[in-house]
Amino acid sequence: MTGTENKPSGGKFVSASEYEPIGLFYGGFVMIGMAVGAFAGFMIGGGQEEFLKGGWIDSIIGVVTGLFIGVGLGLIYHGVLMSKRGKW
């Protein structure tokens, strides 16, 4: 067994590259969610003027919200992908 293979409970050897798309989708959704959340928080918080006066907390809240949305979308896609592969 090489370092790139795992043996799940079913006994079948699975290459780590089969799970790479899942991580890429998580990462992609998280990055998109954080970017959109930060932009929305920045704009809702009053833009540049308010950001410089202490409105940065709105952007932080937007980033955290976007992070959760991105992870949620990643989980949904993971569920869809696994159900289509029949590995659940």
C-alpha atoms as a PDB file:
ATOM      1  CA  MET A   1       0.000   0.000   0.000  1.00  0.00           C
ATOM      2  CA  THR A   2       1.452   3.357  -1.008  1.00  0.00           C
ATOM      3  CA  GLY A   3       1.085   6.636   0.851  1.00  0.00           C
ATOM      4  CA  THR A   4      -1.660   7.830  -1.521  1.00  0.00           C
ATOM      5  CA  GLU A   5      -4.107   5.015  -0.824  1.00  0.00           C
ATOM      6  CA  ASN A   6      -6.510   4.432   2.014  1.00  0.00           C
ATOM      7  CA  LYS A   7      -8.413   1.323   2.932  1.00  0.00           C
ATOM      8  CA  PRO A   8     -11.969   2.200   3.957  1.00  0.00           C
ATOM      9  CA  SER A   9     -14.099  -0.148   6.033  1.00  0.00           C
ATOM     10  CA  GLY A  10     -15.477  -1.795   2.884  1.00  0.00           C
ATOM     11  CA  GLY A  11     -12.057  -3.286   2.148  1.00  0.00           C
ATOM     12  CA  LYS A  12     -11.692  -1.581  -1.243  1.00  0.00           C
ATOM     13  CA  PHE A  13      -8.564   0.469  -1.841  1.00  0.00           C
ATOM     14  CA  VAL A  14      -9.393   4.068  -2.663  1.00  0.00           C
ATOM     15  CA  SER A  15      -6.947   6.511  -4.128  1.00  0.00           C
ATOM     16  CA  ALA A  16      -6.620   9.834  -2.327  1.00  0.00           C
ATOM     17  CA  SER A  17      -7.127  11.557  -5.678  1.00  0.00           C
ATOM     18  CA  GLU A  18     -10.774  10.426  -5.651  1.00  0.00           C
ATOM     19  CA  TYR A  19     -11.384  12.707  -2.666  1.00  0.00           C
ATOM     20  CA  GLU A  20      -9.451  15.695  -4.013  1.00  0.00           C
ATOM     21  CA  PRO A  21     -12.461  17.251  -5.804  1.00  0.00           C
ATOM     22  CA  ILE A  22     -14.331  17.345  -2.496  1.00  0.00           C
ATOM     23  CA  GLY A  23     -11.577  19.417  -0.888  1.00  0.00           C
ATOM     24  CA  LEU A  24     -11.400  21.684  -3.900  1.00  0.00           C
ATOM     25  CA  PHE A  25     -15.132  22.333  -3.747  1.00  0.00           C
ATOM     26  CA  TYR A  26     -14.940  23.059  -0.018  1.00  0.00           C
ATOM     27  CA  GLY A  27     -12.057  25.455  -0.594  1.00  0.00           C
ATOM     28  CA  GLY A  28     -13.758  27.117  -3.539  1.00  0.00           C
ATOM     29  CA  PHE A  29     -17.071  27.593  -1.779  1.00  0.00           C
ATOM     30  CA  VAL A  30     -15.355  28.888   1.355  1.00  0.00           C
ATOM     31  CA  MET A  31     -13.289  31.426  -0.594  1.00  0.00           C
ATOM     32  CA  ILE A  32     -16.289  32.629  -2.598  1.00  0.00           C
ATOM     33  CA  GLY A  33     -18.407  32.824   0.573  1.00  0.00           C
ATOM     34  CA  MET A  34     -15.759  34.797   2.453  1.00  0.00           C
ATOM     35  CA  ALA A  35     -15.223  37.226  -0.429  1.00  0.00           C
ATOM     36  CA  VAL A  36     -18.930  37.858  -0.927  1.00  0.00           C
ATOM     37  CA  GLY A  37     -19.489  38.093   2.832  1.00  0.00           C
ATOM     38  CA  ALA A  38     -16.655  40.600   3.298  1.00  0.00           C
ATOM     39  CA  PHE A  39     -17.877  42.729   0.401  1.00  0.00           C
ATOM     40  CA  ALA A  40     -21.471  42.644   1.667  1.00  0.00           C
ATOM     41  CA  GLY A  41     -20.365  43.534   5.192  1.00  0.00           C
ATOM     42  CA  PHE A  42     -18.211  46.366   3.867  1.00  0.00           C
ATOM     43  CA  MET A  43     -21.023  47.801   1.761  1.00  0.00           C
ATOM     44  CA  ILE A  44     -23.765  47.345   4.363  1.00  0.00           C
ATOM     45  CA  GLY A  45     -21.498  48.800   7.042  1.00  0.00           C
ATOM     46  CA  GLY A  46     -21.269  52.115   5.211  1.00  0.00           C
ATOM     47  CA  GLY A  47     -18.354  51.736   2.835  1.00  0.00           C
ATOM     48  CA  GLN A  48     -14.877  53.185   3.188  1.00  0.00           C
ATOM     49  CA  GLU A  49     -15.757  56.107   5.433  1.00  0.00           C
ATOM     50  CA  GLU A  50     -17.419  53.979   8.099  1.00  0.00           C
ATOM     51  CA  PHE A  51     -14.838  51.218   7.735  1.00  0.00           C
ATOM     52  CA  LEU A  52     -12.053  53.635   8.641  1.00  0.00           C
ATOM     53  CA  LYS A  53     -14.073  54.987  11.598  1.00  0.00           C
ATOM     54  CA  GLY A  54     -14.402  51.536  13.175  1.00  0.00           C
ATOM     55  CA  GLY A  55     -16.929  49.804  10.943  1.00  0.00           C
ATOM     56  CA  TRP A  56     -14.497  46.951  10.240  1.00  0.00           C
ATOM     57  CA  ILE A  57     -16.533  44.702  12.516  1.00  0.00           C
ATOM     58  CA  ASP A  58     -19.251  44.564   9.844  1.00  0.00           C
ATOM     59  CA  SER A  59     -16.723  43.186   7.383  1.00  0.00           C
ATOM     60  CA  ILE A  60     -15.535  40.603   9.926  1.00  0.00           C
ATOM     61  CA  ILE A  61     -19.112  39.500  10.543  1.00  0.00           C
ATOM     62  CA  GLY A  62     -19.584  39.220   6.768  1.00  0.00           C
ATOM     63  CA  VAL A  63     -16.448  37.076   6.425  1.00  0.00           C
ATOM     64  CA  VAL A  64     -17.536  34.705   9.193  1.00  0.00           C
ATOM     65  CA  THR A  65     -21.020  34.444   7.725  1.00  0.00           C
ATOM     66  CA  GLY A  66     -19.544  33.771   4.291  1.00  0.00           C
ATOM     67  CA  LEU A  67     -17.284  31.103   5.801  1.00  0.00           C
ATOM     68  CA  PHE A  68     -20.282  29.251   7.219  1.00  0.00           C
ATOM     69  CA  ILE A  69     -22.204  29.586   3.963  1.00  0.00           C
ATOM     70  CA  GLY A  70     -19.206  28.256   2.015  1.00  0.00           C
ATOM     71  CA  VAL A  71     -18.792  25.246   4.299  1.00  0.00           C
ATOM     72  CA  GLY A  72     -22.518  24.576   4.105  1.00  0.00           C
ATOM     73  CA  LEU A  73     -22.440  24.607   0.308  1.00  0.00           C
ATOM     74  CA  GLY A  74     -19.408  22.315   0.392  1.00  0.00           C
ATOM     75  CA  LEU A  75     -21.273  19.864   2.622  1.00  0.00           C
ATOM     76  CA  ILE A  76     -24.280  19.902   0.314  1.00  0.00           C
ATOM     77  CA  TYR A  77     -22.097  19.252  -2.718  1.00  0.00           C
ATOM     78  CA  HIS A  78     -20.277  16.483  -0.866  1.00  0.00           C
ATOM     79  CA  GLY A  79     -23.587  14.798  -0.102  1.00  0.00           C
ATOM     80  CA  VAL A  80     -24.720  15.063  -3.715  1.00  0.00           C
ATOM     81  CA  LEU A  81     -21.391  13.774  -5.027  1.00  0.00           C
ATOM     82  CA  MET A  82     -21.321  10.786  -2.678  1.00  0.00           C
ATOM     83  CA  SER A  83     -24.930   9.849  -3.366  1.00  0.00           C
ATOM     84  CA  LYS A  84     -24.271   9.899  -7.118  1.00  0.00           C
ATOM     85  CA  ARG A  85     -21.210   7.676  -6.646  1.00  0.00           C
ATOM     86  CA  GLY A  86     -23.173   5.298  -4.438  1.00  0.00           C
ATOM     87  CA  LYS A  87     -20.587   5.417  -1.636  1.00  0.00           C
ATOM     88  CA  TRP A  88     -22.881   6.388   1.201  1.00  0.00           C
END
